[in-house]
Amino acid sequence: MDKTHDFRTLEEIRQRKYELRRQIDRDNEHISQLWGSLFVKRKDSTTGQFVTNLLSHGAMVIDAFLLVKKLRRNYGGLMQSLRRKKS
């Protein structure tokens, strides 16, 4: 981050405002390019890649489900006791 500036005139403030606006516009353009690259359609995958991706995503879903189940089992009583205290 930039250091704080001691502005003495309105012209210095305008100049700094212009510099910040340029920097924001450049950053906005960069973010727009990155955002657009997130949704680029990939090449058609082979059947083997499709199956691999399907298994990988399925494993992640199962893992997330088991994690939620474990957390509810271990900390479910804590959440219920907090709800009782509010009532």
PDB file of N, CA and C in Angstrom:
ATOM      1  N   MET A   1       0.835  -1.172   0.000  1.00  0.00           N
ATOM      2  CA  MET A   1       0.000   0.000   0.000  1.00  0.00           C
ATOM      3  C   MET A   1       0.880   1.235   0.000  1.00  0.00           C
ATOM      4  N   ASP A   2       0.339   2.253  -0.574  1.00  0.00           N
ATOM      5  CA  ASP A   2       1.073   3.506  -0.606  1.00  0.00           C
ATOM      6  C   ASP A   2       1.030   4.184   0.748  1.00  0.00           C
ATOM      7  N   LYS A   3       2.034   4.987   0.978  1.00  0.00           N
ATOM      8  CA  LYS A   3       2.062   5.768   2.208  1.00  0.00           C
ATOM      9  C   LYS A   3       1.019   6.869   2.120  1.00  0.00           C
ATOM     10  N   THR A   4       0.679   7.421   3.238  1.00  0.00           N
ATOM     11  CA  THR A   4      -0.239   8.554   3.219  1.00  0.00           C
ATOM     12  C   THR A   4       0.474   9.753   2.624  1.00  0.00           C
ATOM     13  N   HIS A   5      -0.290  10.619   1.998  1.00  0.00           N
ATOM     14  CA  HIS A   5       0.273  11.790   1.338  1.00  0.00           C
ATOM     15  C   HIS A   5      -0.155  13.049   2.069  1.00  0.00           C
ATOM     16  N   ASP A   6       0.736  14.009   2.084  1.00  0.00           N
ATOM     17  CA  ASP A   6       0.394  15.328   2.614  1.00  0.00           C
ATOM     18  C   ASP A   6       0.072  16.220   1.428  1.00  0.00           C
ATOM     19  N   PHE A   7      -1.192  16.472   1.224  1.00  0.00           N
ATOM     20  CA  PHE A   7      -1.618  17.296   0.105  1.00  0.00           C
ATOM     21  C   PHE A   7      -1.639  18.752   0.550  1.00  0.00           C
ATOM     22  N   ARG A   8      -1.137  19.604  -0.317  1.00  0.00           N
ATOM     23  CA  ARG A   8      -1.098  21.030   0.011  1.00  0.00           C
ATOM     24  C   ARG A   8      -2.055  21.844  -0.862  1.00  0.00           C
ATOM     25  N   THR A   9      -2.349  21.352  -2.034  1.00  0.00           N
ATOM     26  CA  THR A   9      -3.231  22.094  -2.937  1.00  0.00           C
ATOM     27  C   THR A   9      -4.301  21.167  -3.500  1.00  0.00           C
ATOM     28  N   LEU A  10      -5.319  21.793  -4.072  1.00  0.00           N
ATOM     29  CA  LEU A  10      -6.372  21.013  -4.723  1.00  0.00           C
ATOM     30  C   LEU A  10      -5.837  20.285  -5.945  1.00  0.00           C
ATOM     31  N   GLU A  11      -4.867  20.872  -6.611  1.00  0.00           N
ATOM     32  CA  GLU A  11      -4.275  20.239  -7.789  1.00  0.00           C
ATOM     33  C   GLU A  11      -3.587  18.928  -7.423  1.00  0.00           C
ATOM     34  N   GLU A  12      -2.919  18.875  -6.274  1.00  0.00           N
ATOM     35  CA  GLU A  12      -2.281  17.638  -5.819  1.00  0.00           C
ATOM     36  C   GLU A  12      -3.328  16.566  -5.541  1.00  0.00           C
ATOM     37  N   ILE A  13      -4.439  16.982  -4.973  1.00  0.00           N
ATOM     38  CA  ILE A  13      -5.531  16.031  -4.694  1.00  0.00           C
ATOM     39  C   ILE A  13      -6.100  15.506  -6.012  1.00  0.00           C
ATOM     40  N   ARG A  14      -6.322  16.405  -6.974  1.00  0.00           N
ATOM     41  CA  ARG A  14      -6.845  15.973  -8.276  1.00  0.00           C
ATOM     42  C   ARG A  14      -5.891  15.022  -8.972  1.00  0.00           C
ATOM     43  N   GLN A  15      -4.583  15.327  -8.897  1.00  0.00           N
ATOM     44  CA  GLN A  15      -3.584  14.467  -9.523  1.00  0.00           C
ATOM     45  C   GLN A  15      -3.595  13.083  -8.893  1.00  0.00           C
ATOM     46  N   ARG A  16      -3.663  13.019  -7.572  1.00  0.00           N
ATOM     47  CA  ARG A  16      -3.693  11.730  -6.875  1.00  0.00           C
ATOM     48  C   ARG A  16      -4.968  10.962  -7.211  1.00  0.00           C
ATOM     49  N   LYS A  17      -6.082  11.690  -7.291  1.00  0.00           N
ATOM     50  CA  LYS A  17      -7.351  11.074  -7.647  1.00  0.00           C
ATOM     51  C   LYS A  17      -7.271  10.479  -9.053  1.00  0.00           C
ATOM     52  N   TYR A  18      -6.650  11.203  -9.982  1.00  0.00           N
ATOM     53  CA  TYR A  18      -6.482  10.714 -11.345  1.00  0.00           C
ATOM     54  C   TYR A  18      -5.611   9.463 -11.373  1.00  0.00           C
ATOM     55  N   GLU A  19      -4.521   9.450 -10.609  1.00  0.00           N
ATOM     56  CA  GLU A  19      -3.638   8.286 -10.543  1.00  0.00           C
ATOM     57  C   GLU A  19      -4.369   7.076  -9.979  1.00  0.00           C
ATOM     58  N   LEU A  20      -5.128   7.290  -8.918  1.00  0.00           N
ATOM     59  CA  LEU A  20      -5.886   6.187  -8.319  1.00  0.00           C
ATOM     60  C   LEU A  20      -6.940   5.652  -9.286  1.00  0.00           C
ATOM     61  N   ARG A  21      -7.604   6.555 -10.010  1.00  0.00           N
ATOM     62  CA  ARG A  21      -8.616   6.123 -10.971  1.00  0.00           C
ATOM     63  C   ARG A  21      -7.985   5.265 -12.070  1.00  0.00           C
ATOM     64  N   ARG A  22      -6.814   5.685 -12.567  1.00  0.00           N
ATOM     65  CA  ARG A  22      -6.108   4.898 -13.587  1.00  0.00           C
ATOM     66  C   ARG A  22      -5.741   3.522 -13.050  1.00  0.00           C
ATOM     67  N   GLN A  23      -5.252   3.491 -11.820  1.00  0.00           N
ATOM     68  CA  GLN A  23      -4.865   2.212 -11.213  1.00  0.00           C
ATOM     69  C   GLN A  23      -6.088   1.313 -11.033  1.00  0.00           C
ATOM     70  N   ILE A  24      -7.190   1.874 -10.597  1.00  0.00           N
ATOM     71  CA  ILE A  24      -8.422   1.100 -10.420  1.00  0.00           C
ATOM     72  C   ILE A  24      -8.903   0.565 -11.761  1.00  0.00           C
ATOM     73  N   ASP A  25      -8.841   1.400 -12.801  1.00  0.00           N
ATOM     74  CA  ASP A  25      -9.266   0.955 -14.133  1.00  0.00           C
ATOM     75  C   ASP A  25      -8.394  -0.184 -14.653  1.00  0.00           C
ATOM     76  N   ARG A  26      -7.077  -0.101 -14.436  1.00  0.00           N
ATOM     77  CA  ARG A  26      -6.178  -1.184 -14.850  1.00  0.00           C
ATOM     78  C   ARG A  26      -6.492  -2.457 -14.090  1.00  0.00           C
ATOM     79  N   ASP A  27      -6.691  -2.331 -12.771  1.00  0.00           N
ATOM     80  CA  ASP A  27      -7.020  -3.513 -11.964  1.00  0.00           C
ATOM     81  C   ASP A  27      -8.353  -4.114 -12.388  1.00  0.00           C
ATOM     82  N   ASN A  28      -9.310  -3.266 -12.693  1.00  0.00           N
ATOM     83  CA  ASN A  28     -10.623  -3.737 -13.122  1.00  0.00           C
ATOM     84  C   ASN A  28     -10.511  -4.499 -14.440  1.00  0.00           C
ATOM     85  N   GLU A  29      -9.704  -3.976 -15.363  1.00  0.00           N
ATOM     86  CA  GLU A  29      -9.491  -4.668 -16.640  1.00  0.00           C
ATOM     87  C   GLU A  29      -8.833  -6.030 -16.414  1.00  0.00           C
ATOM     88  N   HIS A  30      -7.852  -6.076 -15.535  1.00  0.00           N
ATOM     89  CA  HIS A  30      -7.157  -7.334 -15.226  1.00  0.00           C
ATOM     90  C   HIS A  30      -8.119  -8.343 -14.599  1.00  0.00           C
ATOM     91  N   ILE A  31      -8.928  -7.897 -13.671  1.00  0.00           N
ATOM     92  CA  ILE A  31      -9.903  -8.779 -13.022  1.00  0.00           C
ATOM     93  C   ILE A  31     -10.920  -9.278 -14.043  1.00  0.00           C
ATOM     94  N   SER A  32     -11.335  -8.407 -14.961  1.00  0.00           N
ATOM     95  CA  SER A  32     -12.295  -8.818 -15.993  1.00  0.00           C
ATOM     96  C   SER A  32     -11.711  -9.910 -16.877  1.00  0.00           C
ATOM     97  N   GLN A  33     -10.431  -9.779 -17.224  1.00  0.00           N
ATOM     98  CA  GLN A  33      -9.794 -10.810 -18.037  1.00  0.00           C
ATOM     99  C   GLN A  33      -9.711 -12.128 -17.275  1.00  0.00           C
ATOM    100  N   LEU A  34      -9.343 -12.061 -16.005  1.00  0.00           N
ATOM    101  CA  LEU A  34      -9.258 -13.282 -15.207  1.00  0.00           C
ATOM    102  C   LEU A  34     -10.629 -13.927 -15.045  1.00  0.00           C
ATOM    103  N   TRP A  35     -11.649 -13.097 -14.809  1.00  0.00           N
ATOM    104  CA  TRP A  35     -13.002 -13.613 -14.635  1.00  0.00           C
ATOM    105  C   TRP A  35     -13.469 -14.304 -15.915  1.00  0.00           C
ATOM    106  N   GLY A  36     -13.195 -13.683 -17.051  1.00  0.00           N
ATOM    107  CA  GLY A  36     -13.583 -14.272 -18.322  1.00  0.00           C
ATOM    108  C   GLY A  36     -12.889 -15.593 -18.586  1.00  0.00           C
ATOM    109  N   SER A  37     -11.655 -15.716 -18.133  1.00  0.00           N
ATOM    110  CA  SER A  37     -10.918 -16.955 -18.368  1.00  0.00           C
ATOM    111  C   SER A  37     -11.449 -18.108 -17.511  1.00  0.00           C
ATOM    112  N   LEU A  38     -12.207 -17.800 -16.471  1.00  0.00           N
ATOM    113  CA  LEU A  38     -12.781 -18.869 -15.647  1.00  0.00           C
ATOM    114  C   LEU A  38     -13.837 -19.660 -16.409  1.00  0.00           C
ATOM    115  N   PHE A  39     -14.502 -19.004 -17.344  1.00  0.00           N
ATOM    116  CA  PHE A  39     -15.641 -19.626 -18.002  1.00  0.00           C
ATOM    117  C   PHE A  39     -15.376 -19.959 -19.462  1.00  0.00           C
ATOM    118  N   VAL A  40     -14.114 -20.157 -19.796  1.00  0.00           N
ATOM    119  CA  VAL A  40     -13.771 -20.573 -21.150  1.00  0.00           C
ATOM    120  C   VAL A  40     -14.127 -22.045 -21.303  1.00  0.00           C
ATOM    121  N   LYS A  41     -14.830 -22.374 -22.377  1.00  0.00           N
ATOM    122  CA  LYS A  41     -15.223 -23.754 -22.589  1.00  0.00           C
ATOM    123  C   LYS A  41     -13.994 -24.572 -22.971  1.00  0.00           C
ATOM    124  N   ARG A  42     -13.815 -25.646 -22.309  1.00  0.00           N
ATOM    125  CA  ARG A  42     -12.668 -26.505 -22.566  1.00  0.00           C
ATOM    126  C   ARG A  42     -12.935 -27.403 -23.761  1.00  0.00           C
ATOM    127  N   LYS A  43     -11.855 -27.961 -24.284  1.00  0.00           N
ATOM    128  CA  LYS A  43     -11.982 -28.885 -25.407  1.00  0.00           C
ATOM    129  C   LYS A  43     -12.799 -30.100 -24.978  1.00  0.00           C
ATOM    130  N   ASP A  44     -13.423 -30.739 -25.955  1.00  0.00           N
ATOM    131  CA  ASP A  44     -14.164 -31.967 -25.662  1.00  0.00           C
ATOM    132  C   ASP A  44     -13.195 -33.012 -25.127  1.00  0.00           C
ATOM    133  N   SER A  45     -13.598 -33.627 -24.052  1.00  0.00           N
ATOM    134  CA  SER A  45     -12.728 -34.627 -23.444  1.00  0.00           C
ATOM    135  C   SER A  45     -13.077 -36.014 -23.978  1.00  0.00           C
ATOM    136  N   THR A  46     -12.148 -36.896 -23.826  1.00  0.00           N
ATOM    137  CA  THR A  46     -12.383 -38.270 -24.255  1.00  0.00           C
ATOM    138  C   THR A  46     -13.276 -38.960 -23.224  1.00  0.00           C
ATOM    139  N   THR A  47     -13.734 -40.132 -23.562  1.00  0.00           N
ATOM    140  CA  THR A  47     -14.599 -40.892 -22.655  1.00  0.00           C
ATOM    141  C   THR A  47     -13.862 -41.216 -21.363  1.00  0.00           C
ATOM    142  N   GLY A  48     -12.593 -41.539 -21.474  1.00  0.00           N
ATOM    143  CA  GLY A  48     -11.805 -41.848 -20.282  1.00  0.00           C
ATOM    144  C   GLY A  48     -11.677 -40.646 -19.359  1.00  0.00           C
ATOM    145  N   GLN A  49     -11.454 -39.462 -19.934  1.00  0.00           N
ATOM    146  CA  GLN A  49     -11.363 -38.256 -19.109  1.00  0.00           C
ATOM    147  C   GLN A  49     -12.713 -37.925 -18.473  1.00  0.00           C
ATOM    148  N   PHE A  50     -13.789 -38.146 -19.223  1.00  0.00           N
ATOM    149  CA  PHE A  50     -15.125 -37.903 -18.699  1.00  0.00           C
ATOM    150  C   PHE A  50     -15.397 -38.779 -17.485  1.00  0.00           C
ATOM    151  N   VAL A  51     -15.079 -40.061 -17.594  1.00  0.00           N
ATOM    152  CA  VAL A  51     -15.297 -41.002 -16.487  1.00  0.00           C
ATOM    153  C   VAL A  51     -14.415 -40.624 -15.297  1.00  0.00           C
ATOM    154  N   THR A  52     -13.169 -40.265 -15.565  1.00  0.00           N
ATOM    155  CA  THR A  52     -12.259 -39.861 -14.491  1.00  0.00           C
ATOM    156  C   THR A  52     -12.792 -38.638 -13.763  1.00  0.00           C
ATOM    157  N   ASN A  53     -13.253 -37.637 -14.528  1.00  0.00           N
ATOM    158  CA  ASN A  53     -13.819 -36.444 -13.902  1.00  0.00           C
ATOM    159  C   ASN A  53     -15.080 -36.768 -13.113  1.00  0.00           C
ATOM    160  N   LEU A  54     -15.897 -37.632 -13.657  1.00  0.00           N
ATOM    161  CA  LEU A  54     -17.127 -38.023 -12.967  1.00  0.00           C
ATOM    162  C   LEU A  54     -16.815 -38.704 -11.637  1.00  0.00           C
ATOM    163  N   LEU A  55     -15.858 -39.614 -11.644  1.00  0.00           N
ATOM    164  CA  LEU A  55     -15.470 -40.298 -10.409  1.00  0.00           C
ATOM    165  C   LEU A  55     -14.846 -39.322  -9.408  1.00  0.00           C
ATOM    166  N   SER A  56     -14.039 -38.410  -9.909  1.00  0.00           N
ATOM    167  CA  SER A  56     -13.393 -37.432  -9.040  1.00  0.00           C
ATOM    168  C   SER A  56     -14.426 -36.538  -8.363  1.00  0.00           C
ATOM    169  N   HIS A  57     -15.376 -36.033  -9.142  1.00  0.00           N
ATOM    170  CA  HIS A  57     -16.407 -35.168  -8.565  1.00  0.00           C
ATOM    171  C   HIS A  57     -17.318 -35.953  -7.624  1.00  0.00           C
ATOM    172  N   GLY A  58     -17.605 -37.183  -7.969  1.00  0.00           N
ATOM    173  CA  GLY A  58     -18.420 -38.016  -7.090  1.00  0.00           C
ATOM    174  C   GLY A  58     -17.723 -38.269  -5.763  1.00  0.00           C
ATOM    175  N   ALA A  59     -16.415 -38.500  -5.816  1.00  0.00           N
ATOM    176  CA  ALA A  59     -15.653 -38.712  -4.581  1.00  0.00           C
ATOM    177  C   ALA A  59     -15.655 -37.461  -3.720  1.00  0.00           C
ATOM    178  N   MET A  60     -15.566 -36.287  -4.354  1.00  0.00           N
ATOM    179  CA  MET A  60     -15.596 -35.032  -3.587  1.00  0.00           C
ATOM    180  C   MET A  60     -16.951 -34.829  -2.913  1.00  0.00           C
ATOM    181  N   VAL A  61     -18.027 -35.179  -3.616  1.00  0.00           N
ATOM    182  CA  VAL A  61     -19.373 -35.044  -3.044  1.00  0.00           C
ATOM    183  C   VAL A  61     -19.528 -35.974  -1.848  1.00  0.00           C
ATOM    184  N   ILE A  62     -19.094 -37.200  -1.991  1.00  0.00           N
ATOM    185  CA  ILE A  62     -19.181 -38.160  -0.886  1.00  0.00           C
ATOM    186  C   ILE A  62     -18.338 -37.699   0.295  1.00  0.00           C
ATOM    187  N   ASP A  63     -17.141 -37.203   0.014  1.00  0.00           N
ATOM    188  CA  ASP A  63     -16.255 -36.711   1.067  1.00  0.00           C
ATOM    189  C   ASP A  63     -16.888 -35.533   1.810  1.00  0.00           C
ATOM    190  N   ALA A  64     -17.497 -34.619   1.068  1.00  0.00           N
ATOM    191  CA  ALA A  64     -18.156 -33.473   1.701  1.00  0.00           C
ATOM    192  C   ALA A  64     -19.331 -33.935   2.562  1.00  0.00           C
ATOM    193  N   PHE A  65     -20.107 -34.887   2.066  1.00  0.00           N
ATOM    194  CA  PHE A  65     -21.234 -35.418   2.823  1.00  0.00           C
ATOM    195  C   PHE A  65     -20.765 -36.058   4.127  1.00  0.00           C
ATOM    196  N   LEU A  66     -19.699 -36.863   4.049  1.00  0.00           N
ATOM    197  CA  LEU A  66     -19.186 -37.521   5.255  1.00  0.00           C
ATOM    198  C   LEU A  66     -18.614 -36.504   6.247  1.00  0.00           C
ATOM    199  N   LEU A  67     -17.989 -35.444   5.733  1.00  0.00           N
ATOM    200  CA  LEU A  67     -17.469 -34.404   6.611  1.00  0.00           C
ATOM    201  C   LEU A  67     -18.592 -33.705   7.360  1.00  0.00           C
ATOM    202  N   VAL A  68     -19.653 -33.342   6.650  1.00  0.00           N
ATOM    203  CA  VAL A  68     -20.797 -32.685   7.299  1.00  0.00           C
ATOM    204  C   VAL A  68     -21.416 -33.616   8.331  1.00  0.00           C
ATOM    205  N   LYS A  69     -21.557 -34.885   7.993  1.00  0.00           N
ATOM    206  CA  LYS A  69     -22.129 -35.855   8.920  1.00  0.00           C
ATOM    207  C   LYS A  69     -21.279 -35.965  10.183  1.00  0.00           C
ATOM    208  N   LYS A  70     -19.962 -36.027  10.008  1.00  0.00           N
ATOM    209  CA  LYS A  70     -19.056 -36.136  11.153  1.00  0.00           C
ATOM    210  C   LYS A  70     -19.111 -34.883  12.027  1.00  0.00           C
ATOM    211  N   LEU A  71     -19.128 -33.716  11.402  1.00  0.00           N
ATOM    212  CA  LEU A  71     -19.188 -32.470  12.165  1.00  0.00           C
ATOM    213  C   LEU A  71     -20.496 -32.344  12.927  1.00  0.00           C
ATOM    214  N   ARG A  72     -21.595 -32.743  12.301  1.00  0.00           N
ATOM    215  CA  ARG A  72     -22.880 -32.689  13.005  1.00  0.00           C
ATOM    216  C   ARG A  72     -22.906 -33.663  14.172  1.00  0.00           C
ATOM    217  N   ARG A  73     -22.308 -34.835  13.987  1.00  0.00           N
ATOM    218  CA  ARG A  73     -22.281 -35.821  15.061  1.00  0.00           C
ATOM    219  C   ARG A  73     -21.423 -35.325  16.224  1.00  0.00           C
ATOM    220  N   ASN A  74     -20.282 -34.748  15.918  1.00  0.00           N
ATOM    221  CA  ASN A  74     -19.372 -34.312  16.979  1.00  0.00           C
ATOM    222  C   ASN A  74     -19.787 -33.001  17.634  1.00  0.00           C
ATOM    223  N   TYR A  75     -20.337 -32.080  16.860  1.00  0.00           N
ATOM    224  CA  TYR A  75     -20.642 -30.761  17.402  1.00  0.00           C
ATOM    225  C   TYR A  75     -22.129 -30.440  17.400  1.00  0.00           C
ATOM    226  N   GLY A  76     -22.974 -31.416  17.092  1.00  0.00           N
ATOM    227  CA  GLY A  76     -24.413 -31.200  17.072  1.00  0.00           C
ATOM    228  C   GLY A  76     -24.967 -30.820  18.431  1.00  0.00           C
ATOM    229  N   GLY A  77     -24.468 -31.457  19.483  1.00  0.00           N
ATOM    230  CA  GLY A  77     -24.924 -31.135  20.836  1.00  0.00           C
ATOM    231  C   GLY A  77     -24.545 -29.723  21.229  1.00  0.00           C
ATOM    232  N   LEU A  78     -23.405 -29.266  20.793  1.00  0.00           N
ATOM    233  CA  LEU A  78     -22.971 -27.904  21.071  1.00  0.00           C
ATOM    234  C   LEU A  78     -23.913 -26.898  20.430  1.00  0.00           C
ATOM    235  N   MET A  79     -24.308 -27.172  19.196  1.00  0.00           N
ATOM    236  CA  MET A  79     -25.207 -26.262  18.490  1.00  0.00           C
ATOM    237  C   MET A  79     -26.581 -26.232  19.158  1.00  0.00           C
ATOM    238  N   GLN A  80     -27.062 -27.385  19.620  1.00  0.00           N
ATOM    239  CA  GLN A  80     -28.361 -27.425  20.288  1.00  0.00           C
ATOM    240  C   GLN A  80     -28.316 -26.673  21.605  1.00  0.00           C
ATOM    241  N   SER A  81     -27.221 -26.800  22.352  1.00  0.00           N
ATOM    242  CA  SER A  81     -27.126 -26.089  23.618  1.00  0.00           C
ATOM    243  C   SER A  81     -27.039 -24.589  23.415  1.00  0.00           C
ATOM    244  N   LEU A  82     -26.424 -24.157  22.335  1.00  0.00           N
ATOM    245  CA  LEU A  82     -26.377 -22.723  22.033  1.00  0.00           C
ATOM    246  C   LEU A  82     -27.757 -22.207  21.665  1.00  0.00           C
ATOM    247  N   ARG A  83     -28.542 -22.996  20.958  1.00  0.00           N
ATOM    248  CA  ARG A  83     -29.896 -22.580  20.599  1.00  0.00           C
ATOM    249  C   ARG A  83     -30.776 -22.484  21.852  1.00  0.00           C
ATOM    250  N   ARG A  84     -30.593 -23.398  22.795  1.00  0.00           N
ATOM    251  CA  ARG A  84     -31.385 -23.369  24.026  1.00  0.00           C
ATOM    252  C   ARG A  84     -31.072 -22.132  24.855  1.00  0.00           C
ATOM    253  N   LYS A  85     -29.821 -21.720  24.879  1.00  0.00           N
ATOM    254  CA  LYS A  85     -29.429 -20.549  25.661  1.00  0.00           C
ATOM    255  C   LYS A  85     -30.050 -19.285  25.106  1.00  0.00           C
ATOM    256  N   LYS A  86     -30.218 -19.194  23.786  1.00  0.00           N
ATOM    257  CA  LYS A  86     -30.819 -18.004  23.168  1.00  0.00           C
ATOM    258  C   LYS A  86     -32.299 -17.919  23.511  1.00  0.00           C
ATOM    259  N   SER A  87     -32.970 -19.043  23.649  1.00  0.00           N
ATOM    260  CA  SER A  87     -34.426 -19.051  23.887  1.00  0.00           C
ATOM    261  C   SER A  87     -34.756 -18.655  25.279  1.00  0.00           C
TER     262      SER A  87
END
